């Protein structure tokens, strides 16, 4: 089959509900709950129920609360694969990237279902799990985006140079199943089609803004595109690539979209921001920098110093 730009080697299954991305550099406090005897700590409080390890939310001395104050995190399982990064989807599947660049998919029960490996494209930097049936994988060294189906089989490959893009720093799945790309060299947000055609692009942001975005992550949700730029904030665009505003969150390392809210992960805390009400809520304010955290529904995922991902439930 001839490869022109976006090589389709399988069919697409399109999801409509966007959820977040990598939670890089965020973390939780306390030690990992490992095995039946482990008891996690949270803000100085300890709790255990029988042989099950649990963690209890606590309110800090400065009144920094948690979204689920008074709830308990129960240790469900620990994924066996040491990893350098991980993410989750709306179905509570976990995607673990090991140190050999292989992606392991674990189901909600903690069992490995499928895996994917391609070491010909350089380091896998980013996975967009917005649609669990159509994952995006980004390899920045060769400027390649690959898509996988739910069984982790490769369905398409987009070489960004076919769209005239040579320095993309952030990509994300559009709601129409095309791909949003931030072209750092041109300072433009672009929507790229399956054949490599640029369908939509923003104005040159270096002339429009005092400080053009230096982006590391992109999320699309309905008619809004969020461009995360650590040290600057979160740039907000509409579905036509038009810039609207800059959210003042320069400390945010990574974003996640969940239930219409932005989950903001920084080095020291996790917050939820509601774009409709403009209200912010602190989820956690006591983060250790060596722990990576991600929220997904009624679960919390933590990667600790041993590079293993532990899964906890949040129960009323």
Protein backbone atom coordinates (compact mmCIF):
# COMPACT_ATOMS: atom_id res chain seq x y z
CA UNK A 1 0.00 0.00 0.00
CA UNK A 2 1.37 3.38 -0.95
CA UNK A 3 2.14 5.69 1.97
CA UNK A 4 1.15 9.30 1.36
CA UNK A 5 1.12 11.40 4.50
CA UNK A 6 -1.43 9.55 6.58
CA UNK A 7 -1.23 5.85 5.79
CA UNK A 8 -4.45 4.10 6.73
CA UNK A 9 -3.91 0.47 7.53
CA UNK A 10 -7.07 -0.13 9.49
CA UNK A 11 -10.42 1.42 10.31
CA UNK A 12 -11.06 4.22 12.80
CA UNK A 13 -13.47 3.96 15.69
CA UNK A 14 -14.35 7.46 16.80
CA UNK A 15 -15.05 8.38 20.40
CA UNK A 16 -16.82 11.56 21.43
CA UNK A 17 -15.89 12.10 25.04
CA UNK A 18 -12.53 13.71 25.66
CA UNK A 19 -10.54 12.90 28.73
CA UNK A 20 -7.12 14.00 29.76
CA UNK A 21 -3.51 13.23 29.04
CA UNK A 22 -0.26 12.51 30.74
CA UNK A 23 0.04 13.65 34.29
CA UNK A 24 3.77 14.31 34.22
CA UNK A 25 5.66 15.28 37.31
CA UNK A 26 2.62 15.33 39.56
CA UNK A 27 2.42 13.27 42.68
CA UNK A 28 0.98 12.22 45.95
CA UNK A 29 2.41 12.17 49.43
CA UNK A 30 2.97 9.18 51.61
CA UNK A 31 4.47 5.82 50.91
CA UNK A 32 3.03 3.32 48.45
CA UNK A 33 0.53 0.80 49.68
CA UNK A 34 2.26 -2.43 48.68
CA UNK A 35 0.94 -5.84 49.63
CA UNK A 36 -1.72 -6.72 52.17
CA UNK A 37 0.10 -5.24 55.15
CA UNK A 38 0.94 -1.87 53.67
CA UNK A 39 -0.79 1.15 55.16
CA UNK A 40 -0.53 4.48 53.32
CA UNK A 41 -0.12 7.78 55.07
CA UNK A 42 -1.92 10.97 54.23
CA UNK A 43 -1.16 14.22 56.01
CA UNK A 44 -0.17 12.38 59.17
CA UNK A 45 -3.30 10.22 59.35
CA UNK A 46 -3.16 6.44 59.04
CA UNK A 47 -5.96 3.97 58.58
CA UNK A 48 -6.35 0.29 57.78
CA UNK A 49 -9.30 -2.00 57.21
CA UNK A 50 -8.46 -5.64 57.89
CA UNK A 51 -5.68 -6.73 55.60
CA UNK A 52 -6.44 -4.16 52.92
CA UNK A 53 -4.21 -1.16 52.52
CA UNK A 54 -6.02 2.16 52.54
CA UNK A 55 -5.25 5.86 52.41
CA UNK A 56 -7.34 8.53 54.00
CA UNK A 57 -7.75 12.06 52.72
CA UNK A 58 -6.87 14.80 55.21
CA UNK A 59 -7.09 18.58 55.28
CA UNK A 60 -3.81 20.42 55.69
CA UNK A 61 -3.02 22.97 58.34
CA UNK A 62 -3.60 25.83 55.91
CA UNK A 63 -7.08 24.63 55.08
CA UNK A 64 -6.04 23.15 51.72
CA UNK A 65 -8.68 20.52 51.28
CA UNK A 66 -9.26 17.68 48.90
CA UNK A 67 -12.21 17.23 46.57
CA UNK A 68 -13.26 14.08 48.40
CA UNK A 69 -12.51 15.14 51.97
CA UNK A 70 -13.22 12.28 54.37
CA UNK A 71 -13.06 9.57 51.70
CA UNK A 72 -10.68 6.64 51.73
CA UNK A 73 -8.40 5.33 49.02
CA UNK A 74 -8.24 1.53 49.05
CA UNK A 75 -5.35 -0.17 47.31
CA UNK A 76 -6.73 -2.30 44.47
CA UNK A 77 -3.62 -3.58 42.70
CA UNK A 78 -0.11 -2.73 41.57
CA UNK A 79 0.82 -3.05 37.91
CA UNK A 80 3.91 -5.26 37.53
CA UNK A 81 5.69 -3.37 34.73
CA UNK A 82 8.24 -0.71 35.77
CA UNK A 83 7.61 2.34 33.63
CA UNK A 84 8.92 5.77 32.76
CA UNK A 85 5.43 7.16 32.16
CA UNK A 86 1.76 6.18 32.09
CA UNK A 87 -1.70 7.48 31.29
CA UNK A 88 -5.32 6.32 31.57
CA UNK A 89 -8.50 6.50 29.49
CA UNK A 90 -12.15 7.07 30.37
CA UNK A 91 -12.71 3.28 30.58
CA UNK A 92 -10.05 3.10 33.33
CA UNK A 93 -7.57 1.28 31.18
CA UNK A 94 -3.94 2.09 31.97
CA UNK A 95 -1.24 2.58 29.35
CA UNK A 96 2.24 2.01 30.71
CA UNK A 97 5.35 2.97 28.72
CA UNK A 98 8.29 0.88 29.86
CA UNK A 99 11.95 1.79 29.60
CA UNK A 100 12.24 -0.08 26.28
CA UNK A 101 9.59 2.12 24.64
CA UNK A 102 6.96 -0.63 24.70
CA UNK A 103 3.36 0.33 25.56
CA UNK A 104 1.45 -2.08 27.81
CA UNK A 105 -2.33 -1.82 28.10
CA UNK A 106 -3.83 -2.93 31.43
CA UNK A 107 -7.56 -3.33 31.99
CA UNK A 108 -9.47 -2.03 35.02
CA UNK A 109 -8.81 -5.36 36.76
CA UNK A 110 -5.03 -4.83 36.56
CA UNK A 111 -4.41 -7.55 33.98
CA UNK A 112 -2.35 -6.88 30.88
CA UNK A 113 -4.50 -7.08 27.75
CA UNK A 114 -2.32 -5.99 24.83
CA UNK A 115 0.99 -4.32 24.08
CA UNK A 116 2.59 -2.35 21.26
CA UNK A 117 6.23 -1.84 20.36
CA UNK A 118 8.02 0.14 17.64
CA UNK A 119 11.61 1.21 18.24
CA UNK A 120 12.25 2.57 14.75
CA UNK A 121 10.84 6.04 15.46
CA UNK A 122 12.82 7.17 18.46
CA UNK A 123 11.43 7.86 21.91
CA UNK A 124 7.68 7.74 22.40
CA UNK A 125 6.98 11.06 24.11
CA UNK A 126 3.23 11.24 24.39
CA UNK A 127 0.02 9.20 24.27
CA UNK A 128 -3.36 10.85 23.76
CA UNK A 129 -6.02 8.47 25.16
CA UNK A 130 -8.98 10.78 24.42
CA UNK A 131 -10.60 7.97 22.42
CA UNK A 132 -9.81 4.50 23.85
CA UNK A 133 -10.53 3.03 20.40
CA UNK A 134 -8.21 5.40 18.58
CA UNK A 135 -5.05 6.19 20.55
CA UNK A 136 -2.54 8.76 19.30
CA UNK A 137 1.19 8.15 19.83
CA UNK A 138 3.68 10.96 19.20
CA UNK A 139 7.33 10.40 18.28
CA UNK A 140 8.88 13.90 18.10
CA UNK A 141 12.35 12.86 16.93
CA UNK A 142 11.01 11.79 13.54
CA UNK A 143 7.87 13.97 13.76
CA UNK A 144 5.59 10.95 13.44
CA UNK A 145 2.09 10.36 14.83
CA UNK A 146 0.75 6.80 14.93
CA UNK A 147 -2.76 5.63 15.77
CA UNK A 148 -3.70 2.36 17.48
CA UNK A 149 -7.01 0.57 17.86
CA UNK A 150 -8.29 -0.85 21.14
CA UNK A 151 -6.21 -4.02 20.70
CA UNK A 152 -3.05 -1.91 20.26
CA UNK A 153 -2.71 -2.68 16.57
CA UNK A 154 -1.37 0.16 14.46
CA UNK A 155 -4.05 1.59 12.16
CA UNK A 156 -2.38 4.65 10.61
CA UNK A 157 0.82 6.68 10.47
CA UNK A 158 1.06 10.42 9.89
CA UNK A 159 4.44 11.85 8.95
CA UNK A 160 4.10 15.52 9.80
CA UNK A 161 6.59 16.67 7.17
CA UNK A 162 3.93 15.89 4.55
CA UNK A 163 1.95 18.75 6.09
CA UNK A 164 4.99 21.03 6.02
CA UNK A 165 5.49 20.65 9.77
CA UNK A 166 9.03 19.99 10.96
CA UNK A 167 8.95 21.07 14.62
CA UNK A 168 5.69 19.93 16.21
CA UNK A 169 5.87 19.95 20.00
CA UNK A 170 2.29 18.97 20.89
CA UNK A 171 -0.45 16.93 19.22
CA UNK A 172 -3.97 15.90 20.12
CA UNK A 173 -7.04 14.17 18.71
CA UNK A 174 -9.67 16.52 17.26
CA UNK A 175 -13.35 15.77 17.79
CA UNK A 176 -13.75 15.07 14.06
CA UNK A 177 -10.96 12.47 14.23
CA UNK A 178 -8.38 14.69 12.55
CA UNK A 179 -5.29 15.78 14.49
CA UNK A 180 -4.47 19.11 16.09
CA UNK A 181 -0.77 19.96 15.92
CA UNK A 182 1.15 22.87 17.39
CA UNK A 183 3.84 23.91 14.92
CA UNK A 184 6.50 25.50 17.11
CA UNK A 185 8.58 26.71 14.16
CA UNK A 186 5.66 28.57 12.57
CA UNK A 187 3.99 29.49 15.89
CA UNK A 188 0.69 28.21 14.57
CA UNK A 189 -1.95 25.78 15.76
CA UNK A 190 -2.93 23.54 12.85
CA UNK A 191 -5.53 20.87 12.21
CA UNK A 192 -4.16 18.19 9.92
CA UNK A 193 -6.25 15.72 7.93
CA UNK A 194 -5.64 12.05 7.21
CA UNK A 195 -3.81 12.79 3.98
CA UNK A 196 -1.48 15.34 5.56
CA UNK A 197 -3.50 18.33 4.36
CA UNK A 198 -3.63 21.35 6.69
CA UNK A 199 -7.35 21.95 7.16
CA UNK A 200 -7.27 24.82 9.66
CA UNK A 201 -4.51 26.99 11.07
CA UNK A 202 -4.28 29.87 13.49
CA UNK A 203 -2.69 33.23 12.84
CA UNK A 204 1.02 33.56 13.53
CA UNK A 205 0.98 33.72 17.32
CA UNK A 206 4.40 35.37 17.52
CA UNK A 207 2.90 38.50 15.98
CA UNK A 208 -0.42 38.19 17.77
CA UNK A 209 0.87 37.67 21.32
CA UNK A 210 3.59 39.29 23.42
CA UNK A 211 5.03 35.85 24.14
CA UNK A 212 4.18 33.10 21.64
CA UNK A 213 3.37 29.68 23.14
CA UNK A 214 6.11 27.19 23.85
CA UNK A 215 3.86 24.17 24.05
CA UNK A 216 4.32 20.70 25.50
CA UNK A 217 0.74 19.36 25.48
CA UNK A 218 -2.49 19.79 23.55
CA UNK A 219 -6.03 18.74 24.47
CA UNK A 220 -9.21 19.15 22.44
CA UNK A 221 -12.69 18.98 23.95
CA UNK A 222 -15.81 19.70 21.89
CA UNK A 223 -15.16 23.14 20.36
CA UNK A 224 -12.20 24.11 22.55
CA UNK A 225 -8.49 23.42 22.17
CA UNK A 226 -6.18 23.81 25.17
CA UNK A 227 -2.46 24.34 24.65
CA UNK A 228 -0.37 23.82 27.77
CA UNK A 229 2.82 25.88 28.00
CA UNK A 230 4.69 25.41 31.31
CA UNK A 231 6.09 28.72 32.48
CA UNK A 232 3.45 30.63 30.52
CA UNK A 233 0.01 29.20 31.16
CA UNK A 234 -2.76 27.45 29.23
CA UNK A 235 -3.71 29.00 25.88
CA UNK A 236 -7.33 28.54 24.82
CA UNK A 237 -8.44 28.35 21.17
CA UNK A 238 -11.75 27.68 19.47
CA UNK A 239 -12.38 24.93 16.94
CA UNK A 240 -11.34 27.24 14.10
CA UNK A 241 -7.89 27.82 15.57
CA UNK A 242 -8.68 31.32 16.81
CA UNK A 243 -6.97 32.36 20.04
CA UNK A 244 -9.33 33.37 22.87
CA UNK A 245 -7.50 33.67 26.16
CA UNK A 246 -4.57 32.67 28.33
CA UNK A 247 -5.41 30.90 31.58
CA UNK A 248 -2.93 32.06 34.26
CA UNK A 249 -1.51 28.68 35.27
CA UNK A 250 2.22 28.88 34.49
CA UNK A 251 3.06 26.22 37.09
CA UNK A 252 1.01 23.50 35.38
CA UNK A 253 3.11 20.61 34.09
CA UNK A 254 0.28 18.70 32.47
CA UNK A 255 -3.47 18.80 31.88
CA UNK A 256 -6.32 16.34 31.93
CA UNK A 257 -9.93 16.77 30.85
CA UNK A 258 -12.54 15.02 32.93
CA UNK A 259 -16.26 15.67 33.36
CA UNK A 260 -15.95 19.00 31.61
CA UNK A 261 -13.26 20.21 33.99
CA UNK A 262 -9.55 20.76 33.54
CA UNK A 263 -7.44 18.81 36.00
CA UNK A 264 -4.23 20.80 36.49
CA UNK A 265 -1.15 18.91 37.62
CA UNK A 266 1.80 20.91 38.96
CA UNK A 267 4.91 20.03 40.92
CA UNK A 268 3.28 20.61 44.29
CA UNK A 269 -0.50 20.34 43.90
CA UNK A 270 -3.45 19.22 41.81
CA UNK A 271 -6.41 21.47 41.03
CA UNK A 272 -9.65 21.24 39.07
CA UNK A 273 -10.75 24.22 36.99
CA UNK A 274 -14.29 24.59 35.66
CA UNK A 275 -14.21 26.60 32.39
CA UNK A 276 -17.94 27.35 32.67
CA UNK A 277 -18.06 28.68 36.22
CA UNK A 278 -14.41 29.85 36.27
CA UNK A 279 -14.09 28.22 39.68
CA UNK A 280 -11.00 26.40 40.90
CA UNK A 281 -10.90 23.60 43.44
CA UNK A 282 -7.80 22.17 45.11
CA UNK A 283 -7.77 18.39 44.88
CA UNK A 284 -4.43 17.88 46.59
CA UNK A 285 -1.96 20.32 48.01
CA UNK A 286 0.68 18.02 49.47
CA UNK A 287 2.48 16.48 46.52
CA UNK A 288 5.89 14.84 46.52
CA UNK A 289 7.83 15.63 43.36
CA UNK A 290 8.96 12.01 42.87
CA UNK A 291 5.40 10.69 42.60
CA UNK A 292 3.25 10.90 39.46
CA UNK A 293 -0.51 11.00 39.98
CA UNK A 294 -3.55 10.70 37.75
CA UNK A 295 -7.28 10.82 38.49
CA UNK A 296 -9.80 8.79 36.52
CA UNK A 297 -13.38 8.49 37.69
CA UNK A 298 -13.43 6.92 41.14
CA UNK A 299 -9.79 5.87 40.96
CA UNK A 300 -6.41 7.38 41.69
CA UNK A 301 -3.22 6.12 40.02
CA UNK A 302 0.23 6.71 41.48
CA UNK A 303 3.67 6.00 40.07
CA UNK A 304 6.22 6.13 42.85
CA UNK A 305 10.00 5.99 43.14
CA UNK A 306 10.09 2.27 42.21
CA UNK A 307 8.43 3.14 38.86
CA UNK A 308 5.41 0.91 39.54
CA UNK A 309 1.85 2.16 39.11
CA UNK A 310 -0.47 1.57 42.06
CA UNK A 311 -4.22 1.81 41.66
CA UNK A 312 -6.51 3.02 44.45
CA UNK A 313 -10.27 3.35 44.68
CA UNK A 314 -12.07 6.32 46.16
CA UNK A 315 -15.11 5.19 48.08
CA UNK A 316 -17.80 7.36 49.76
